[in-house]
C-alpha atoms as a PDB file:
ATOM      1  CA  MET A   1       0.030   0.083   0.226  1.00  0.00           C
ATOM      2  CA  VAL A   2       2.803   2.402   0.420  1.00  0.00           C
ATOM      3  CA  THR A   3       4.700   1.647  -2.046  1.00  0.00           C
ATOM      4  CA  SER A   4       1.767   2.227  -4.329  1.00  0.00           C
ATOM      5  CA  PHE A   5       1.154   5.520  -2.401  1.00  0.00           C
ATOM      6  CA  GLY A   6       4.556   6.889  -3.498  1.00  0.00           C
ATOM      7  CA  ALA A   7       4.408   5.493  -7.248  1.00  0.00           C
ATOM      8  CA  LEU A   8       1.227   7.261  -7.435  1.00  0.00           C
ATOM      9  CA  CYS A   9       2.745  10.549  -5.805  1.00  0.00           C
ATOM     10  CA  GLY A  10       6.073   9.919  -8.140  1.00  0.00           C
ATOM     11  CA  ASN A  11       3.862   9.870 -11.467  1.00  0.00           C
ATOM     12  CA  PHE A  12       1.756  12.999 -10.172  1.00  0.00           C
ATOM     13  CA  SER A  13       4.814  14.823  -9.637  1.00  0.00           C
ATOM     14  CA  GLY A  14       6.066  13.604 -13.155  1.00  0.00           C
ATOM     15  CA  MET A  15       2.869  14.713 -14.785  1.00  0.00           C
ATOM     16  CA  GLY A  16       3.646  18.069 -12.900  1.00  0.00           C
ATOM     17  CA  ILE A  17       7.342  18.527 -14.256  1.00  0.00           C
ATOM     18  CA  VAL A  18       6.425  17.543 -17.514  1.00  0.00           C
ATOM     19  CA  TRP A  19       3.619  20.150 -17.645  1.00  0.00           C
ATOM     20  CA  LEU A  20       6.158  22.680 -16.509  1.00  0.00           C
ATOM     21  CA  ALA A  21       8.670  22.301 -19.084  1.00  0.00           C
ATOM     22  CA  GLY A  22       6.136  22.354 -21.582  1.00  0.00           C
ATOM     23  CA  ARG A  23       5.122  25.367 -20.423  1.00  0.00           C
ATOM     24  CA  LEU A  24       8.524  26.971 -20.091  1.00  0.00           C
ATOM     25  CA  LEU A  25       9.791  25.827 -22.921  1.00  0.00           C
ATOM     26  CA  THR A  26       7.024  27.007 -24.759  1.00  0.00           C
ATOM     27  CA  ALA A  27       7.474  30.702 -23.523  1.00  0.00           C
ATOM     28  CA  GLY A  28      10.804  31.132 -24.536  1.00  0.00           C
ATOM     29  CA  HIS A  29      12.438  30.695 -20.704  1.00  0.00           C
ATOM     30  CA  GLY A  30      14.948  27.783 -21.702  1.00  0.00           C
ATOM     31  CA  TYR A  31      16.089  24.753 -19.832  1.00  0.00           C
ATOM     32  CA  GLY A  32      17.202  26.979 -16.801  1.00  0.00           C
ATOM     33  CA  PRO A  33      14.295  27.053 -14.609  1.00  0.00           C
ATOM     34  CA  LEU A  34      14.314  23.168 -14.871  1.00  0.00           C
ATOM     35  CA  LEU A  35      17.761  22.958 -13.769  1.00  0.00           C
ATOM     36  CA  ILE A  36      17.303  25.140 -10.706  1.00  0.00           C
ATOM     37  CA  ILE A  37      14.251  23.028 -10.112  1.00  0.00           C
ATOM     38  CA  ALA A  38      16.239  20.024 -10.098  1.00  0.00           C
ATOM     39  CA  ALA A  39      19.226  21.302  -8.226  1.00  0.00           C
ATOM     40  CA  GLY A  40      16.852  22.602  -5.374  1.00  0.00           C
ATOM     41  CA  SER A  41      14.790  18.662  -5.156  1.00  0.00           C
ATOM     42  CA  TYR A  42      17.943  17.274  -4.637  1.00  0.00           C
ATOM     43  CA  LEU A  43      19.130  19.791  -2.159  1.00  0.00           C
ATOM     44  CA  VAL A  44      16.150  19.336  -0.035  1.00  0.00           C
ATOM     45  CA  ALA A  45      16.213  15.484  -0.702  1.00  0.00           C
ATOM     46  CA  LEU A  46      19.833  15.836   0.997  1.00  0.00           C
ATOM     47  CA  THR A  47      19.130  18.116   3.684  1.00  0.00           C
ATOM     48  CA  TRP A  48      15.918  15.342   3.940  1.00  0.00           C
ATOM     49  CA  LEU A  49      18.181  12.405   4.906  1.00  0.00           C
ATOM     50  CA  HIS A  50      20.325  14.037   6.499  1.00  0.00           C
ATOM     51  CA  ILE A  51      17.519  15.249   8.962  1.00  0.00           C
ATOM     52  CA  TRP A  52      16.933  11.552   9.342  1.00  0.00           C
ATOM     53  CA  VAL A  53      19.800   9.658   9.322  1.00  0.00           C
ATOM     54  CA  PRO A  54      22.416  12.487  11.067  1.00  0.00           C
ATOM     55  CA  ARG A  55      25.244   9.876  11.485  1.00  0.00           C
ATOM     56  CA  LEU A  56      25.706   7.187   9.046  1.00  0.00           C
ATOM     57  CA  GLU A  57      28.132   3.970  10.336  1.00  0.00           C
ATOM     58  CA  SER A  58      29.496   1.054   8.563  1.00  0.00           C
ATOM     59  CA  ALA A  59      27.525  -2.383   9.176  1.00  0.00           C
ATOM     60  CA  GLU A  60      29.592  -4.903  10.389  1.00  0.00           C
ATOM     61  CA  PRO A  61      29.215  -8.159   8.640  1.00  0.00           C
ATOM     62  CA  GLU A  62      27.248 -11.191  10.305  1.00  0.00           C
ATOM     63  CA  LEU A  63      29.035 -14.443  10.550  1.00  0.00           C
ATOM     64  CA  THR A  64      26.504 -16.841   9.363  1.00  0.00           C
ATOM     65  CA  VAL A  65      26.466 -20.491   8.688  1.00  0.00           C
ATOM     66  CA  MET A  66      24.928 -22.055   6.181  1.00  0.00           C
ATOM     67  CA  GLN A  67      22.506 -24.905   6.249  1.00  0.00           C
ATOM     68  CA  THR A  68      21.851 -27.816   4.392  1.00  0.00           C
ATOM     69  CA  VAL A  69      18.630 -29.244   3.876  1.00  0.00           C
END
């Protein structure tokens, strides 16, 4: 359920960006505003990750024994 909601939001966002790209390019603004939006969304996502995962640590490998049946 959560995955399908995320996919739905991603698809709507993609539709919005395509619509916005068409409007901006038709108006003669070029690709500059789209690049600014992409850079801004990257920084927002990076900030979001740093807020929720402030310190990354490497995982220690687990020693597992494979069992044969």
